[in-house]
C-alpha atoms as a PDB file:
ATOM      1  CA  UNK A   1      25.969-167.347  83.701  1.00  0.00           C
ATOM      2  CA  UNK A   2      28.669-164.944  83.112  1.00  0.00           C
ATOM      3  CA  UNK A   3      32.414-165.825  82.991  1.00  0.00           C
ATOM      4  CA  UNK A   4      31.993-169.445  82.006  1.00  0.00           C
ATOM      5  CA  UNK A   5      35.217-171.436  81.102  1.00  0.00           C
ATOM      6  CA  UNK A   6      35.383-171.562  77.432  1.00  0.00           C
ATOM      7  CA  UNK A   7      37.189-173.202  74.523  1.00  0.00           C
ATOM      8  CA  UNK A   8      37.881-171.638  71.088  1.00  0.00           C
ATOM      9  CA  UNK A   9      39.068-172.758  68.000  1.00  0.00           C
ATOM     10  CA  UNK A  10      39.248-172.155  64.490  1.00  0.00           C
ATOM     11  CA  UNK A  11      36.912-174.072  62.030  1.00  0.00           C
ATOM     12  CA  UNK A  12      35.366-174.427  58.559  1.00  0.00           C
ATOM     13  CA  UNK A  13      31.663-174.142  57.920  1.00  0.00           C
ATOM     14  CA  UNK A  14      30.486-175.792  54.434  1.00  0.00           C
ATOM     15  CA  UNK A  15      28.474-174.213  52.345  1.00  0.00           C
ATOM     16  CA  UNK A  16      28.252-176.296  49.181  1.00  0.00           C
ATOM     17  CA  UNK A  17      31.743-176.057  47.809  1.00  0.00           C
ATOM     18  CA  UNK A  18      32.628-173.301  49.837  1.00  0.00           C
ATOM     19  CA  UNK A  19      34.423-173.600  53.170  1.00  0.00           C
ATOM     20  CA  UNK A  20      34.180-170.608  55.376  1.00  0.00           C
ATOM     21  CA  UNK A  21      36.736-170.221  57.986  1.00  0.00           C
ATOM     22  CA  UNK A  22      35.255-169.382  61.350  1.00  0.00           C
ATOM     23  CA  UNK A  23      36.113-168.476  65.170  1.00  0.00           C
ATOM     24  CA  UNK A  24      34.080-170.842  67.373  1.00  0.00           C
ATOM     25  CA  UNK A  25      33.956-170.081  70.913  1.00  0.00           C
ATOM     26  CA  UNK A  26      31.793-172.252  73.344  1.00  0.00           C
ATOM     27  CA  UNK A  27      31.366-173.123  77.169  1.00  0.00           C
ATOM     28  CA  UNK A  28      33.218-176.060  78.249  1.00  0.00           C
ATOM     29  CA  UNK A  29      30.578-177.077  80.929  1.00  0.00           C
ATOM     30  CA  UNK A  30      27.559-179.409  80.927  1.00  0.00           C
ATOM     31  CA  UNK A  31      24.402-178.246  79.434  1.00  0.00           C
ATOM     32  CA  UNK A  32      22.624-176.880  76.103  1.00  0.00           C
ATOM     33  CA  UNK A  33      23.473-173.473  75.007  1.00  0.00           C
ATOM     34  CA  UNK A  34      21.815-170.959  72.417  1.00  0.00           C
ATOM     35  CA  UNK A  35      24.017-169.824  69.541  1.00  0.00           C
ATOM     36  CA  UNK A  36      24.979-166.373  68.491  1.00  0.00           C
ATOM     37  CA  UNK A  37      26.580-165.370  65.021  1.00  0.00           C
ATOM     38  CA  UNK A  38      29.006-162.485  65.169  1.00  0.00           C
ATOM     39  CA  UNK A  39      29.614-160.423  62.175  1.00  0.00           C
ATOM     40  CA  UNK A  40      33.021-158.814  61.674  1.00  0.00           C
ATOM     41  CA  UNK A  41      33.580-155.008  60.777  1.00  0.00           C
ATOM     42  CA  UNK A  42      35.236-154.434  57.607  1.00  0.00           C
ATOM     43  CA  UNK A  43      38.586-155.467  59.036  1.00  0.00           C
ATOM     44  CA  UNK A  44      37.995-159.166  59.034  1.00  0.00           C
ATOM     45  CA  UNK A  45      37.771-161.651  61.996  1.00  0.00           C
ATOM     46  CA  UNK A  46      40.318-160.009  63.589  1.00  0.00           C
ATOM     47  CA  UNK A  47      41.470-159.856  67.353  1.00  0.00           C
ATOM     48  CA  UNK A  48      38.675-157.574  68.399  1.00  0.00           C
ATOM     49  CA  UNK A  49      36.041-160.016  66.808  1.00  0.00           C
ATOM     50  CA  UNK A  50      37.593-163.087  68.320  1.00  0.00           C
ATOM     51  CA  UNK A  51      37.407-161.187  71.772  1.00  0.00           C
ATOM     52  CA  UNK A  52      33.912-160.403  71.399  1.00  0.00           C
ATOM     53  CA  UNK A  53      33.066-163.987  70.159  1.00  0.00           C
ATOM     54  CA  UNK A  54      34.831-165.074  73.436  1.00  0.00           C
ATOM     55  CA  UNK A  55      33.020-162.703  75.784  1.00  0.00           C
ATOM     56  CA  UNK A  56      29.684-163.857  74.325  1.00  0.00           C
ATOM     57  CA  UNK A  57      30.656-167.835  74.814  1.00  0.00           C
ATOM     58  CA  UNK A  58      31.694-166.672  78.557  1.00  0.00           C
ATOM     59  CA  UNK A  59      28.107-165.584  79.007  1.00  0.00           C
ATOM     60  CA  UNK A  60      26.942-169.118  78.249  1.00  0.00           C
ATOM     61  CA  UNK A  61      26.523-169.019  74.403  1.00  0.00           C
ATOM     62  CA  UNK A  62      27.759-170.921  71.329  1.00  0.00           C
ATOM     63  CA  UNK A  63      29.213-168.148  69.446  1.00  0.00           C
ATOM     64  CA  UNK A  64      30.635-168.415  66.155  1.00  0.00           C
ATOM     65  CA  UNK A  65      32.328-165.619  63.903  1.00  0.00           C
ATOM     66  CA  UNK A  66      32.400-166.657  60.126  1.00  0.00           C
ATOM     67  CA  UNK A  67      34.835-164.811  57.682  1.00  0.00           C
ATOM     68  CA  UNK A  68      32.280-162.970  55.401  1.00  0.00           C
ATOM     69  CA  UNK A  69      35.155-162.085  53.048  1.00  0.00           C
ATOM     70  CA  UNK A  70      35.916-165.785  52.461  1.00  0.00           C
ATOM     71  CA  UNK A  71      34.651-165.539  48.794  1.00  0.00           C
ATOM     72  CA  UNK A  72      37.083-162.728  48.037  1.00  0.00           C
ATOM     73  CA  UNK A  73      40.275-163.002  50.187  1.00  0.00           C
ATOM     74  CA  UNK A  74      40.239-166.025  52.760  1.00  0.00           C
ATOM     75  CA  UNK A  75      42.103-165.332  56.013  1.00  0.00           C
ATOM     76  CA  UNK A  76      41.793-161.586  55.768  1.00  0.00           C
ATOM     77  CA  UNK A  77      42.554-159.703  58.921  1.00  0.00           C
ATOM     78  CA  UNK A  78      43.895-156.274  59.379  1.00  0.00           C
ATOM     79  CA  UNK A  79      44.051-153.461  61.882  1.00  0.00           C
ATOM     80  CA  UNK A  80      42.653-149.797  61.891  1.00  0.00           C
ATOM     81  CA  UNK A  81      45.012-147.783  59.646  1.00  0.00           C
ATOM     82  CA  UNK A  82      43.581-145.702  56.873  1.00  0.00           C
ATOM     83  CA  UNK A  83      45.396-148.183  54.605  1.00  0.00           C
ATOM     84  CA  UNK A  84      43.525-151.019  56.403  1.00  0.00           C
ATOM     85  CA  UNK A  85      40.184-149.443  56.049  1.00  0.00           C
ATOM     86  CA  UNK A  86      40.563-148.742  52.262  1.00  0.00           C
ATOM     87  CA  UNK A  87      41.460-152.452  51.778  1.00  0.00           C
ATOM     88  CA  UNK A  88      38.443-153.376  53.943  1.00  0.00           C
ATOM     89  CA  UNK A  89      36.008-151.212  51.888  1.00  0.00           C
ATOM     90  CA  UNK A  90      37.360-152.759  48.619  1.00  0.00           C
ATOM     91  CA  UNK A  91      36.506-156.138  49.879  1.00  0.00           C
ATOM     92  CA  UNK A  92      33.160-154.861  51.257  1.00  0.00           C
ATOM     93  CA  UNK A  93      32.129-153.527  47.795  1.00  0.00           C
ATOM     94  CA  UNK A  94      32.359-157.069  46.291  1.00  0.00           C
ATOM     95  CA  UNK A  95      30.009-158.872  48.671  1.00  0.00           C
ATOM     96  CA  UNK A  96      26.290-159.391  47.822  1.00  0.00           C
ATOM     97  CA  UNK A  97      23.225-159.747  49.864  1.00  0.00           C
ATOM     98  CA  UNK A  98      22.396-163.185  48.465  1.00  0.00           C
ATOM     99  CA  UNK A  99      25.818-164.731  49.221  1.00  0.00           C
ATOM    100  CA  UNK A 100      26.114-163.132  52.784  1.00  0.00           C
ATOM    101  CA  UNK A 101      22.451-164.503  53.708  1.00  0.00           C
ATOM    102  CA  UNK A 102      23.795-167.926  52.128  1.00  0.00           C
ATOM    103  CA  UNK A 103      27.005-168.015  54.165  1.00  0.00           C
ATOM    104  CA  UNK A 104      24.873-166.942  57.446  1.00  0.00           C
ATOM    105  CA  UNK A 105      22.394-169.414  56.989  1.00  0.00           C
ATOM    106  CA  UNK A 106      25.221-172.086  56.493  1.00  0.00           C
ATOM    107  CA  UNK A 107      26.646-170.808  59.771  1.00  0.00           C
ATOM    108  CA  UNK A 108      23.402-171.205  61.469  1.00  0.00           C
ATOM    109  CA  UNK A 109      23.271-174.879  59.864  1.00  0.00           C
ATOM    110  CA  UNK A 110      26.526-175.692  61.136  1.00  0.00           C
ATOM    111  CA  UNK A 111      25.892-174.687  64.805  1.00  0.00           C
ATOM    112  CA  UNK A 112      22.594-177.201  64.611  1.00  0.00           C
ATOM    113  CA  UNK A 113      24.978-180.116  64.056  1.00  0.00           C
ATOM    114  CA  UNK A 114      26.590-179.190  67.549  1.00  0.00           C
ATOM    115  CA  UNK A 115      25.288-181.689  70.375  1.00  0.00           C
ATOM    116  CA  UNK A 116      25.327-178.869  72.965  1.00  0.00           C
ATOM    117  CA  UNK A 117      23.228-176.370  71.173  1.00  0.00           C
ATOM    118  CA  UNK A 118      19.834-175.243  72.141  1.00  0.00           C
ATOM    119  CA  UNK A 119      18.349-174.249  68.767  1.00  0.00           C
ATOM    120  CA  UNK A 120      17.886-170.597  69.474  1.00  0.00           C
ATOM    121  CA  UNK A 121      19.749-167.952  67.602  1.00  0.00           C
ATOM    122  CA  UNK A 122      20.847-164.446  67.931  1.00  0.00           C
ATOM    123  CA  UNK A 123      23.363-162.359  65.827  1.00  0.00           C
ATOM    124  CA  UNK A 124      25.747-159.342  66.383  1.00  0.00           C
ATOM    125  CA  UNK A 125      27.592-157.298  64.036  1.00  0.00           C
ATOM    126  CA  UNK A 126      29.582-154.310  64.094  1.00  0.00           C
ATOM    127  CA  UNK A 127      30.256-151.587  61.344  1.00  0.00           C
ATOM    128  CA  UNK A 128      29.577-153.263  57.758  1.00  0.00           C
ATOM    129  CA  UNK A 129      28.578-156.480  60.420  1.00  0.00           C
ATOM    130  CA  UNK A 130      25.851-154.111  61.768  1.00  0.00           C
ATOM    131  CA  UNK A 131      24.596-153.648  58.148  1.00  0.00           C
ATOM    132  CA  UNK A 132      24.918-157.417  57.560  1.00  0.00           C
ATOM    133  CA  UNK A 133      23.055-158.411  60.856  1.00  0.00           C
ATOM    134  CA  UNK A 134      20.177-156.222  60.098  1.00  0.00           C
ATOM    135  CA  UNK A 135      19.902-158.178  56.819  1.00  0.00           C
ATOM    136  CA  UNK A 136      20.211-161.305  58.259  1.00  0.00           C
ATOM    137  CA  UNK A 137      17.654-160.506  60.950  1.00  0.00           C
ATOM    138  CA  UNK A 138      15.047-161.515  57.841  1.00  0.00           C
ATOM    139  CA  UNK A 139      16.120-165.142  58.249  1.00  0.00           C
ATOM    140  CA  UNK A 140      13.719-167.450  60.107  1.00  0.00           C
ATOM    141  CA  UNK A 141      16.233-168.745  62.527  1.00  0.00           C
ATOM    142  CA  UNK A 142      17.161-165.287  63.859  1.00  0.00           C
ATOM    143  CA  UNK A 143      15.232-164.341  67.217  1.00  0.00           C
ATOM    144  CA  UNK A 144      17.332-161.392  68.204  1.00  0.00           C
ATOM    145  CA  UNK A 145      19.955-159.112  66.643  1.00  0.00           C
ATOM    146  CA  UNK A 146      22.276-156.424  68.009  1.00  0.00           C
ATOM    147  CA  UNK A 147      23.107-153.980  65.188  1.00  0.00           C
ATOM    148  CA  UNK A 148      26.244-151.767  66.037  1.00  0.00           C
ATOM    149  CA  UNK A 149      26.730-148.692  63.986  1.00  0.00           C
ATOM    150  CA  UNK A 150      25.554-150.463  60.913  1.00  0.00           C
ATOM    151  CA  UNK A 151      26.019-147.969  58.028  1.00  0.00           C
ATOM    152  CA  UNK A 152      24.112-147.094  54.568  1.00  0.00           C
ATOM    153  CA  UNK A 153      21.319-149.558  55.715  1.00  0.00           C
ATOM    154  CA  UNK A 154      18.717-146.872  54.396  1.00  0.00           C
ATOM    155  CA  UNK A 155      20.662-146.280  51.416  1.00  0.00           C
ATOM    156  CA  UNK A 156      22.169-149.511  49.765  1.00  0.00           C
ATOM    157  CA  UNK A 157      22.178-153.012  49.971  1.00  0.00           C
ATOM    158  CA  UNK A 158      25.504-155.122  49.227  1.00  0.00           C
ATOM    159  CA  UNK A 159      25.703-156.015  45.665  1.00  0.00           C
ATOM    160  CA  UNK A 160      22.923-153.694  44.714  1.00  0.00           C
ATOM    161  CA  UNK A 161      19.367-153.373  44.653  1.00  0.00           C
ATOM    162  CA  UNK A 162      16.719-151.824  46.902  1.00  0.00           C
ATOM    163  CA  UNK A 163      18.167-150.657  50.202  1.00  0.00           C
ATOM    164  CA  UNK A 164      18.165-153.058  53.058  1.00  0.00           C
ATOM    165  CA  UNK A 165      15.983-150.784  54.981  1.00  0.00           C
ATOM    166  CA  UNK A 166      13.157-152.008  52.556  1.00  0.00           C
ATOM    167  CA  UNK A 167      13.422-155.617  54.017  1.00  0.00           C
ATOM    168  CA  UNK A 168      12.483-154.219  57.671  1.00  0.00           C
ATOM    169  CA  UNK A 169       9.079-155.621  57.146  1.00  0.00           C
ATOM    170  CA  UNK A 170      10.610-159.396  56.937  1.00  0.00           C
ATOM    171  CA  UNK A 171      12.714-159.164  60.224  1.00  0.00           C
ATOM    172  CA  UNK A 172      11.450-162.107  62.242  1.00  0.00           C
ATOM    173  CA  UNK A 173      12.628-161.288  65.971  1.00  0.00           C
ATOM    174  CA  UNK A 174      13.780-158.457  68.128  1.00  0.00           C
ATOM    175  CA  UNK A 175      16.421-156.057  67.059  1.00  0.00           C
ATOM    176  CA  UNK A 176      18.430-153.684  69.150  1.00  0.00           C
ATOM    177  CA  UNK A 177      20.153-150.755  67.345  1.00  0.00           C
ATOM    178  CA  UNK A 178      23.494-149.097  68.891  1.00  0.00           C
ATOM    179  CA  UNK A 179      24.358-145.729  67.258  1.00  0.00           C
ATOM    180  CA  UNK A 180      26.873-142.806  68.112  1.00  0.00           C
ATOM    181  CA  UNK A 181      25.137-139.485  67.614  1.00  0.00           C
ATOM    182  CA  UNK A 182      28.806-138.071  66.873  1.00  0.00           C
ATOM    183  CA  UNK A 183      29.435-140.904  64.065  1.00  0.00           C
ATOM    184  CA  UNK A 184      30.485-138.856  60.714  1.00  0.00           C
ATOM    185  CA  UNK A 185      29.817-142.399  58.620  1.00  0.00           C
ATOM    186  CA  UNK A 186      26.119-142.611  59.955  1.00  0.00           C
ATOM    187  CA  UNK A 187      24.058-139.121  59.691  1.00  0.00           C
ATOM    188  CA  UNK A 188      21.726-139.054  62.726  1.00  0.00           C
ATOM    189  CA  UNK A 189      18.857-138.777  59.990  1.00  0.00           C
ATOM    190  CA  UNK A 190      19.383-142.339  58.952  1.00  0.00           C
ATOM    191  CA  UNK A 191      19.113-143.547  62.328  1.00  0.00           C
ATOM    192  CA  UNK A 192      16.081-141.984  62.478  1.00  0.00           C
ATOM    193  CA  UNK A 193      15.079-143.644  59.081  1.00  0.00           C
ATOM    194  CA  UNK A 194      15.820-146.976  60.663  1.00  0.00           C
ATOM    195  CA  UNK A 195      13.790-146.362  64.006  1.00  0.00           C
ATOM    196  CA  UNK A 196      10.825-145.089  61.791  1.00  0.00           C
ATOM    197  CA  UNK A 197      10.706-148.185  59.747  1.00  0.00           C
ATOM    198  CA  UNK A 198      10.749-150.443  62.692  1.00  0.00           C
ATOM    199  CA  UNK A 199       8.105-148.823  64.227  1.00  0.00           C
ATOM    200  CA  UNK A 200       6.127-148.594  60.984  1.00  0.00           C
ATOM    201  CA  UNK A 201       6.401-152.423  60.545  1.00  0.00           C
ATOM    202  CA  UNK A 202       5.840-153.150  64.185  1.00  0.00           C
ATOM    203  CA  UNK A 203       9.207-154.922  64.608  1.00  0.00           C
ATOM    204  CA  UNK A 204      10.000-155.142  68.334  1.00  0.00           C
ATOM    205  CA  UNK A 205      13.053-153.047  68.664  1.00  0.00           C
ATOM    206  CA  UNK A 206      15.104-150.532  70.846  1.00  0.00           C
ATOM    207  CA  UNK A 207      17.437-147.847  69.519  1.00  0.00           C
ATOM    208  CA  UNK A 208      20.135-146.552  71.751  1.00  0.00           C
ATOM    209  CA  UNK A 209      21.869-143.277  70.790  1.00  0.00           C
ATOM    210  CA  UNK A 210      25.208-142.563  72.590  1.00  0.00           C
ATOM    211  CA  UNK A 211      27.197-139.249  72.421  1.00  0.00           C
ATOM    212  CA  UNK A 212      29.989-141.301  70.783  1.00  0.00           C
ATOM    213  CA  UNK A 213      31.826-141.682  67.466  1.00  0.00           C
ATOM    214  CA  UNK A 214      31.842-144.623  64.811  1.00  0.00           C
ATOM    215  CA  UNK A 215      33.501-147.875  66.403  1.00  0.00           C
ATOM    216  CA  UNK A 216      32.708-146.883  69.913  1.00  0.00           C
ATOM    217  CA  UNK A 217      32.255-150.649  71.051  1.00  0.00           C
ATOM    218  CA  UNK A 218      36.202-151.390  69.930  1.00  0.00           C
ATOM    219  CA  UNK A 219      38.744-151.024  72.500  1.00  0.00           C
ATOM    220  CA  UNK A 220      41.359-151.174  69.812  1.00  0.00           C
ATOM    221  CA  UNK A 221      40.018-148.248  67.980  1.00  0.00           C
ATOM    222  CA  UNK A 222      40.825-144.488  68.779  1.00  0.00           C
ATOM    223  CA  UNK A 223      36.958-143.984  68.875  1.00  0.00           C
ATOM    224  CA  UNK A 224      36.424-146.155  71.632  1.00  0.00           C
ATOM    225  CA  UNK A 225      34.108-144.668  74.601  1.00  0.00           C
ATOM    226  CA  UNK A 226      34.180-147.032  77.713  1.00  0.00           C
ATOM    227  CA  UNK A 227      30.817-145.839  78.956  1.00  0.00           C
ATOM    228  CA  UNK A 228      28.744-146.252  76.055  1.00  0.00           C
ATOM    229  CA  UNK A 229      30.504-149.505  75.367  1.00  0.00           C
ATOM    230  CA  UNK A 230      29.563-150.816  78.863  1.00  0.00           C
ATOM    231  CA  UNK A 231      25.931-149.550  78.586  1.00  0.00           C
ATOM    232  CA  UNK A 232      25.713-151.189  75.127  1.00  0.00           C
ATOM    233  CA  UNK A 233      27.267-154.590  76.368  1.00  0.00           C
ATOM    234  CA  UNK A 234      24.523-154.584  79.333  1.00  0.00           C
ATOM    235  CA  UNK A 235      21.897-154.109  76.730  1.00  0.00           C
ATOM    236  CA  UNK A 236      23.006-156.808  74.491  1.00  0.00           C
ATOM    237  CA  UNK A 237      23.081-159.428  77.223  1.00  0.00           C
ATOM    238  CA  UNK A 238      19.719-158.405  78.321  1.00  0.00           C
ATOM    239  CA  UNK A 239      18.445-159.045  74.873  1.00  0.00           C
ATOM    240  CA  UNK A 240      20.020-162.315  74.290  1.00  0.00           C
ATOM    241  CA  UNK A 241      18.934-163.420  77.814  1.00  0.00           C
ATOM    242  CA  UNK A 242      15.428-162.443  77.411  1.00  0.00           C
ATOM    243  CA  UNK A 243      15.056-163.885  73.596  1.00  0.00           C
ATOM    244  CA  UNK A 244      17.535-167.041  73.569  1.00  0.00           C
ATOM    245  CA  UNK A 245      16.864-168.353  77.064  1.00  0.00           C
ATOM    246  CA  UNK A 246      13.084-168.210  77.365  1.00  0.00           C
END
């Protein structure tokens, strides 16, 4: 299924009066395809996130990356400097779990209107997006979640309240987590807490730990780790293939 011809375009996802900018990539061939929601890092739907969205589409999925900062700053897209990081964290702090879940559900509802969609859904998210997809794994539509170095899952939830980890019992599908053991932003003890919660609530899961830093999947960051990224991509493809094509 890999390396299929695709088309990609900027679209808008309606959510009540809000219109969410999104990057949509899908195979151009005949057939029906499952959907995958791609959730950005704090840096917006930038070239890295668009590239991931296209890579997923080439594997035979309809992939869409909604702008989760739409409510704060439409069109936000930055690189990876310290100033960019500070700005991205500023907008992250203004998000809330109910709004994020609403926007992701709206994105799923948009995908359901596409004539070439098979109504089976997965999600993948990176950095803050990794946290967000852990949160969104509680949505009834999500069968498979790939959480890449999602920070603060055991310690907070966007907008305040009980940590997102307390929602583990409500996860509906299979969750794979990808973490770097050299990540200064996510202590290994927090990864242990995530794994324990998944085990305690009997959520189907796998946790992958690489000798790598934060952001190891992004080939535009200085912390990119090609070996870890390649293995993680293999695992993601297996997850989506097993859960969304059955």
